[in-house]
Amino acid sequence: MRLKVEPNLDSPDDFYERLNDMHHGLSDEQSRLVNAKLILLLCNHIGDMRVLDEAMAVAREGMT
């Protein structure tokens, strides 16, 4: 399996709205915690360390 970087959501705007709704009413700390939980859940779902390594590398591009 390879990391999919091309658009792959049927309705990206709906997903973005749901992602924002997930944070509604949360403090900054709670938002960071819910983001971390979501990341870990999705990583567990993916389950392929090569894909996760690639995703982390792509996410970090341009940060240093």
PDB file of N, CA and C in Angstrom:
ATOM      1  N   MET A   1       0.849  -1.174   0.000  1.00  0.00           N
ATOM      2  CA  MET A   1       0.000   0.000   0.000  1.00  0.00           C
ATOM      3  C   MET A   1       0.894   1.236   0.000  1.00  0.00           C
ATOM      4  N   ARG A   2       0.492   2.236  -0.730  1.00  0.00           N
ATOM      5  CA  ARG A   2       1.190   3.515  -0.761  1.00  0.00           C
ATOM      6  C   ARG A   2       0.257   4.597  -0.231  1.00  0.00           C
ATOM      7  N   LEU A   3       0.855   5.659   0.257  1.00  0.00           N
ATOM      8  CA  LEU A   3       0.082   6.793   0.759  1.00  0.00           C
ATOM      9  C   LEU A   3      -0.647   7.467  -0.397  1.00  0.00           C
ATOM     10  N   LYS A   4      -1.932   7.667  -0.232  1.00  0.00           N
ATOM     11  CA  LYS A   4      -2.714   8.396  -1.229  1.00  0.00           C
ATOM     12  C   LYS A   4      -2.602   9.882  -0.914  1.00  0.00           C
ATOM     13  N   VAL A   5      -2.064  10.640  -1.855  1.00  0.00           N
ATOM     14  CA  VAL A   5      -1.940  12.083  -1.646  1.00  0.00           C
ATOM     15  C   VAL A   5      -2.843  12.877  -2.579  1.00  0.00           C
ATOM     16  N   GLU A   6      -3.431  12.190  -3.558  1.00  0.00           N
ATOM     17  CA  GLU A   6      -4.383  12.863  -4.433  1.00  0.00           C
ATOM     18  C   GLU A   6      -5.741  12.919  -3.721  1.00  0.00           C
ATOM     19  N   PRO A   7      -6.592  13.892  -4.079  1.00  0.00           N
ATOM     20  CA  PRO A   7      -7.902  13.991  -3.423  1.00  0.00           C
ATOM     21  C   PRO A   7      -8.638  12.649  -3.479  1.00  0.00           C
ATOM     22  N   ASN A   8      -9.201  12.246  -2.325  1.00  0.00           N
ATOM     23  CA  ASN A   8      -9.828  10.933  -2.253  1.00  0.00           C
ATOM     24  C   ASN A   8     -11.138  10.956  -1.460  1.00  0.00           C
ATOM     25  N   LEU A   9     -11.634  12.134  -1.124  1.00  0.00           N
ATOM     26  CA  LEU A   9     -12.895  12.245  -0.394  1.00  0.00           C
ATOM     27  C   LEU A   9     -14.017  12.574  -1.368  1.00  0.00           C
ATOM     28  N   ASP A  10     -15.152  11.892  -1.201  1.00  0.00           N
ATOM     29  CA  ASP A  10     -16.301  12.177  -2.059  1.00  0.00           C
ATOM     30  C   ASP A  10     -16.794  13.608  -1.874  1.00  0.00           C
ATOM     31  N   SER A  11     -16.737  14.075  -0.626  1.00  0.00           N
ATOM     32  CA  SER A  11     -17.227  15.417  -0.315  1.00  0.00           C
ATOM     33  C   SER A  11     -16.290  16.083   0.691  1.00  0.00           C
ATOM     34  N   PRO A  12     -15.174  16.634   0.199  1.00  0.00           N
ATOM     35  CA  PRO A  12     -14.198  17.223   1.120  1.00  0.00           C
ATOM     36  C   PRO A  12     -14.760  18.366   1.958  1.00  0.00           C
ATOM     37  N   ASP A  13     -15.665  19.147   1.403  1.00  0.00           N
ATOM     38  CA  ASP A  13     -16.251  20.246   2.173  1.00  0.00           C
ATOM     39  C   ASP A  13     -17.073  19.724   3.347  1.00  0.00           C
ATOM     40  N   ASP A  14     -17.826  18.651   3.123  1.00  0.00           N
ATOM     41  CA  ASP A  14     -18.601  18.053   4.214  1.00  0.00           C
ATOM     42  C   ASP A  14     -17.679  17.509   5.298  1.00  0.00           C
ATOM     43  N   PHE A  15     -16.577  16.856   4.886  1.00  0.00           N
ATOM     44  CA  PHE A  15     -15.630  16.347   5.869  1.00  0.00           C
ATOM     45  C   PHE A  15     -15.037  17.489   6.688  1.00  0.00           C
ATOM     46  N   TYR A  16     -14.631  18.573   6.026  1.00  0.00           N
ATOM     47  CA  TYR A  16     -14.032  19.704   6.720  1.00  0.00           C
ATOM     48  C   TYR A  16     -15.024  20.298   7.721  1.00  0.00           C
ATOM     49  N   GLU A  17     -16.287  20.385   7.323  1.00  0.00           N
ATOM     50  CA  GLU A  17     -17.314  20.895   8.235  1.00  0.00           C
ATOM     51  C   GLU A  17     -17.465  19.978   9.453  1.00  0.00           C
ATOM     52  N   ARG A  18     -17.477  18.674   9.234  1.00  0.00           N
ATOM     53  CA  ARG A  18     -17.576  17.719  10.345  1.00  0.00           C
ATOM     54  C   ARG A  18     -16.357  17.790  11.253  1.00  0.00           C
ATOM     55  N   LEU A  19     -15.188  17.960  10.647  1.00  0.00           N
ATOM     56  CA  LEU A  19     -13.968  18.097  11.437  1.00  0.00           C
ATOM     57  C   LEU A  19     -14.032  19.342  12.312  1.00  0.00           C
ATOM     58  N   ASN A  20     -14.491  20.430  11.758  1.00  0.00           N
ATOM     59  CA  ASN A  20     -14.663  21.657  12.549  1.00  0.00           C
ATOM     60  C   ASN A  20     -15.720  21.470  13.633  1.00  0.00           C
ATOM     61  N   ASP A  21     -16.819  20.812  13.300  1.00  0.00           N
ATOM     62  CA  ASP A  21     -17.880  20.564  14.284  1.00  0.00           C
ATOM     63  C   ASP A  21     -17.374  19.735  15.457  1.00  0.00           C
ATOM     64  N   MET A  22     -16.448  18.820  15.192  1.00  0.00           N
ATOM     65  CA  MET A  22     -15.896  17.982  16.246  1.00  0.00           C
ATOM     66  C   MET A  22     -15.226  18.833  17.335  1.00  0.00           C
ATOM     67  N   HIS A  23     -14.746  20.015  16.963  1.00  0.00           N
ATOM     68  CA  HIS A  23     -14.032  20.899  17.890  1.00  0.00           C
ATOM     69  C   HIS A  23     -14.951  21.924  18.573  1.00  0.00           C
ATOM     70  N   HIS A  24     -16.189  21.989  18.133  1.00  0.00           N
ATOM     71  CA  HIS A  24     -17.111  22.989  18.672  1.00  0.00           C
ATOM     72  C   HIS A  24     -17.258  22.840  20.187  1.00  0.00           C
ATOM     73  N   GLY A  25     -17.047  23.932  20.897  1.00  0.00           N
ATOM     74  CA  GLY A  25     -17.229  23.960  22.346  1.00  0.00           C
ATOM     75  C   GLY A  25     -16.058  23.413  23.139  1.00  0.00           C
ATOM     76  N   LEU A  26     -14.978  23.032  22.469  1.00  0.00           N
ATOM     77  CA  LEU A  26     -13.819  22.499  23.176  1.00  0.00           C
ATOM     78  C   LEU A  26     -12.792  23.597  23.435  1.00  0.00           C
ATOM     79  N   SER A  27     -12.068  23.449  24.511  1.00  0.00           N
ATOM     80  CA  SER A  27     -10.959  24.357  24.781  1.00  0.00           C
ATOM     81  C   SER A  27      -9.819  24.012  23.815  1.00  0.00           C
ATOM     82  N   ASP A  28      -8.790  24.861  23.759  1.00  0.00           N
ATOM     83  CA  ASP A  28      -7.635  24.577  22.907  1.00  0.00           C
ATOM     84  C   ASP A  28      -6.991  23.250  23.299  1.00  0.00           C
ATOM     85  N   GLU A  29      -6.866  23.003  24.586  1.00  0.00           N
ATOM     86  CA  GLU A  29      -6.266  21.757  25.061  1.00  0.00           C
ATOM     87  C   GLU A  29      -7.116  20.550  24.662  1.00  0.00           C
ATOM     88  N   GLN A  30      -8.430  20.669  24.812  1.00  0.00           N
ATOM     89  CA  GLN A  30      -9.318  19.578  24.423  1.00  0.00           C
ATOM     90  C   GLN A  30      -9.262  19.340  22.913  1.00  0.00           C
ATOM     91  N   SER A  31      -9.155  20.414  22.126  1.00  0.00           N
ATOM     92  CA  SER A  31      -9.046  20.277  20.673  1.00  0.00           C
ATOM     93  C   SER A  31      -7.767  19.551  20.285  1.00  0.00           C
ATOM     94  N   ARG A  32      -6.659  19.882  20.946  1.00  0.00           N
ATOM     95  CA  ARG A  32      -5.401  19.178  20.668  1.00  0.00           C
ATOM     96  C   ARG A  32      -5.525  17.703  21.035  1.00  0.00           C
ATOM     97  N   LEU A  33      -6.187  17.408  22.152  1.00  0.00           N
ATOM     98  CA  LEU A  33      -6.360  16.019  22.580  1.00  0.00           C
ATOM     99  C   LEU A  33      -7.248  15.245  21.610  1.00  0.00           C
ATOM    100  N   VAL A  34      -8.344  15.847  21.172  1.00  0.00           N
ATOM    101  CA  VAL A  34      -9.232  15.148  20.238  1.00  0.00           C
ATOM    102  C   VAL A  34      -8.533  14.951  18.889  1.00  0.00           C
ATOM    103  N   ASN A  35      -7.691  15.896  18.472  1.00  0.00           N
ATOM    104  CA  ASN A  35      -6.906  15.705  17.252  1.00  0.00           C
ATOM    105  C   ASN A  35      -5.946  14.531  17.406  1.00  0.00           C
ATOM    106  N   ALA A  36      -5.266  14.461  18.547  1.00  0.00           N
ATOM    107  CA  ALA A  36      -4.330  13.355  18.793  1.00  0.00           C
ATOM    108  C   ALA A  36      -5.069  12.017  18.790  1.00  0.00           C
ATOM    109  N   LYS A  37      -6.229  11.969  19.430  1.00  0.00           N
ATOM    110  CA  LYS A  37      -7.012  10.728  19.451  1.00  0.00           C
ATOM    111  C   LYS A  37      -7.430  10.324  18.041  1.00  0.00           C
ATOM    112  N   LEU A  38      -7.874  11.286  17.251  1.00  0.00           N
ATOM    113  CA  LEU A  38      -8.287  10.997  15.879  1.00  0.00           C
ATOM    114  C   LEU A  38      -7.111  10.478  15.060  1.00  0.00           C
ATOM    115  N   ILE A  39      -5.947  11.112  15.204  1.00  0.00           N
ATOM    116  CA  ILE A  39      -4.757  10.661  14.487  1.00  0.00           C
ATOM    117  C   ILE A  39      -4.427   9.223  14.854  1.00  0.00           C
ATOM    118  N   LEU A  40      -4.433   8.910  16.144  1.00  0.00           N
ATOM    119  CA  LEU A  40      -4.097   7.552  16.576  1.00  0.00           C
ATOM    120  C   LEU A  40      -5.122   6.530  16.091  1.00  0.00           C
ATOM    121  N   LEU A  41      -6.393   6.878  16.113  1.00  0.00           N
ATOM    122  CA  LEU A  41      -7.428   5.978  15.599  1.00  0.00           C
ATOM    123  C   LEU A  41      -7.237   5.697  14.110  1.00  0.00           C
ATOM    124  N   LEU A  42      -6.962   6.747  13.352  1.00  0.00           N
ATOM    125  CA  LEU A  42      -6.775   6.568  11.911  1.00  0.00           C
ATOM    126  C   LEU A  42      -5.493   5.804  11.605  1.00  0.00           C
ATOM    127  N   CYS A  43      -4.428   6.056  12.376  1.00  0.00           N
ATOM    128  CA  CYS A  43      -3.184   5.299  12.196  1.00  0.00           C
ATOM    129  C   CYS A  43      -3.408   3.830  12.478  1.00  0.00           C
ATOM    130  N   ASN A  44      -4.149   3.528  13.525  1.00  0.00           N
ATOM    131  CA  ASN A  44      -4.456   2.142  13.835  1.00  0.00           C
ATOM    132  C   ASN A  44      -5.259   1.506  12.703  1.00  0.00           C
ATOM    133  N   HIS A  45      -6.181   2.256  12.136  1.00  0.00           N
ATOM    134  CA  HIS A  45      -6.993   1.752  11.020  1.00  0.00           C
ATOM    135  C   HIS A  45      -6.112   1.457   9.803  1.00  0.00           C
ATOM    136  N   ILE A  46      -5.185   2.341   9.509  1.00  0.00           N
ATOM    137  CA  ILE A  46      -4.273   2.139   8.372  1.00  0.00           C
ATOM    138  C   ILE A  46      -3.394   0.923   8.627  1.00  0.00           C
ATOM    139  N   GLY A  47      -2.746   0.918   9.785  1.00  0.00           N
ATOM    140  CA  GLY A  47      -2.005  -0.249  10.230  1.00  0.00           C
ATOM    141  C   GLY A  47      -0.742  -0.620   9.462  1.00  0.00           C
ATOM    142  N   ASP A  48      -0.351   0.139   8.478  1.00  0.00           N
ATOM    143  CA  ASP A  48       0.831  -0.159   7.674  1.00  0.00           C
ATOM    144  C   ASP A  48       1.902   0.873   7.999  1.00  0.00           C
ATOM    145  N   MET A  49       2.969   0.422   8.673  1.00  0.00           N
ATOM    146  CA  MET A  49       3.997   1.348   9.134  1.00  0.00           C
ATOM    147  C   MET A  49       4.669   2.092   7.982  1.00  0.00           C
ATOM    148  N   ARG A  50       4.794   1.454   6.820  1.00  0.00           N
ATOM    149  CA  ARG A  50       5.402   2.149   5.668  1.00  0.00           C
ATOM    150  C   ARG A  50       4.547   3.335   5.237  1.00  0.00           C
ATOM    151  N   VAL A  51       3.245   3.142   5.210  1.00  0.00           N
ATOM    152  CA  VAL A  51       2.334   4.225   4.836  1.00  0.00           C
ATOM    153  C   VAL A  51       2.380   5.328   5.899  1.00  0.00           C
ATOM    154  N   LEU A  52       2.403   4.937   7.159  1.00  0.00           N
ATOM    155  CA  LEU A  52       2.450   5.924   8.239  1.00  0.00           C
ATOM    156  C   LEU A  52       3.757   6.707   8.214  1.00  0.00           C
ATOM    157  N   ASP A  53       4.883   6.038   7.957  1.00  0.00           N
ATOM    158  CA  ASP A  53       6.171   6.729   7.836  1.00  0.00           C
ATOM    159  C   ASP A  53       6.135   7.738   6.700  1.00  0.00           C
ATOM    160  N   GLU A  54       5.559   7.329   5.571  1.00  0.00           N
ATOM    161  CA  GLU A  54       5.455   8.222   4.422  1.00  0.00           C
ATOM    162  C   GLU A  54       4.562   9.419   4.748  1.00  0.00           C
ATOM    163  N   ALA A  55       3.455   9.164   5.423  1.00  0.00           N
ATOM    164  CA  ALA A  55       2.538  10.251   5.792  1.00  0.00           C
ATOM    165  C   ALA A  55       3.218  11.243   6.731  1.00  0.00           C
ATOM    166  N   MET A  56       3.959  10.737   7.703  1.00  0.00           N
ATOM    167  CA  MET A  56       4.658  11.639   8.629  1.00  0.00           C
ATOM    168  C   MET A  56       5.706  12.466   7.903  1.00  0.00           C
ATOM    169  N   ALA A  57       6.411  11.859   6.960  1.00  0.00           N
ATOM    170  CA  ALA A  57       7.407  12.599   6.193  1.00  0.00           C
ATOM    171  C   ALA A  57       6.764  13.690   5.343  1.00  0.00           C
ATOM    172  N   VAL A  58       5.664  13.359   4.684  1.00  0.00           N
ATOM    173  CA  VAL A  58       4.957  14.339   3.859  1.00  0.00           C
ATOM    174  C   VAL A  58       4.406  15.474   4.718  1.00  0.00           C
ATOM    175  N   ALA A  59       3.842  15.123   5.872  1.00  0.00           N
ATOM    176  CA  ALA A  59       3.273  16.135   6.766  1.00  0.00           C
ATOM    177  C   ALA A  59       4.339  17.100   7.292  1.00  0.00           C
ATOM    178  N   ARG A  60       5.544  16.607   7.443  1.00  0.00           N
ATOM    179  CA  ARG A  60       6.626  17.425   8.005  1.00  0.00           C
ATOM    180  C   ARG A  60       7.353  18.255   6.949  1.00  0.00           C
ATOM    181  N   GLU A  61       7.133  17.971   5.676  1.00  0.00           N
ATOM    182  CA  GLU A  61       7.814  18.710   4.598  1.00  0.00           C
ATOM    183  C   GLU A  61       7.626  20.207   4.773  1.00  0.00           C
ATOM    184  N   GLY A  62       8.717  20.936   4.648  1.00  0.00           N
ATOM    185  CA  GLY A  62       8.679  22.391   4.710  1.00  0.00           C
ATOM    186  C   GLY A  62       8.592  22.970   6.110  1.00  0.00           C
ATOM    187  N   MET A  63       8.680  22.127   7.131  1.00  0.00           N
ATOM    188  CA  MET A  63       8.568  22.619   8.506  1.00  0.00           C
ATOM    189  C   MET A  63       9.906  23.043   9.100  1.00  0.00           C
ATOM    190  N   THR A  64      10.989  22.695   8.465  1.00  0.00           N
ATOM    191  CA  THR A  64      12.289  23.082   9.019  1.00  0.00           C
ATOM    192  C   THR A  64      13.054  23.958   8.071  1.00  0.00           C
TER     193      THR A  64
END
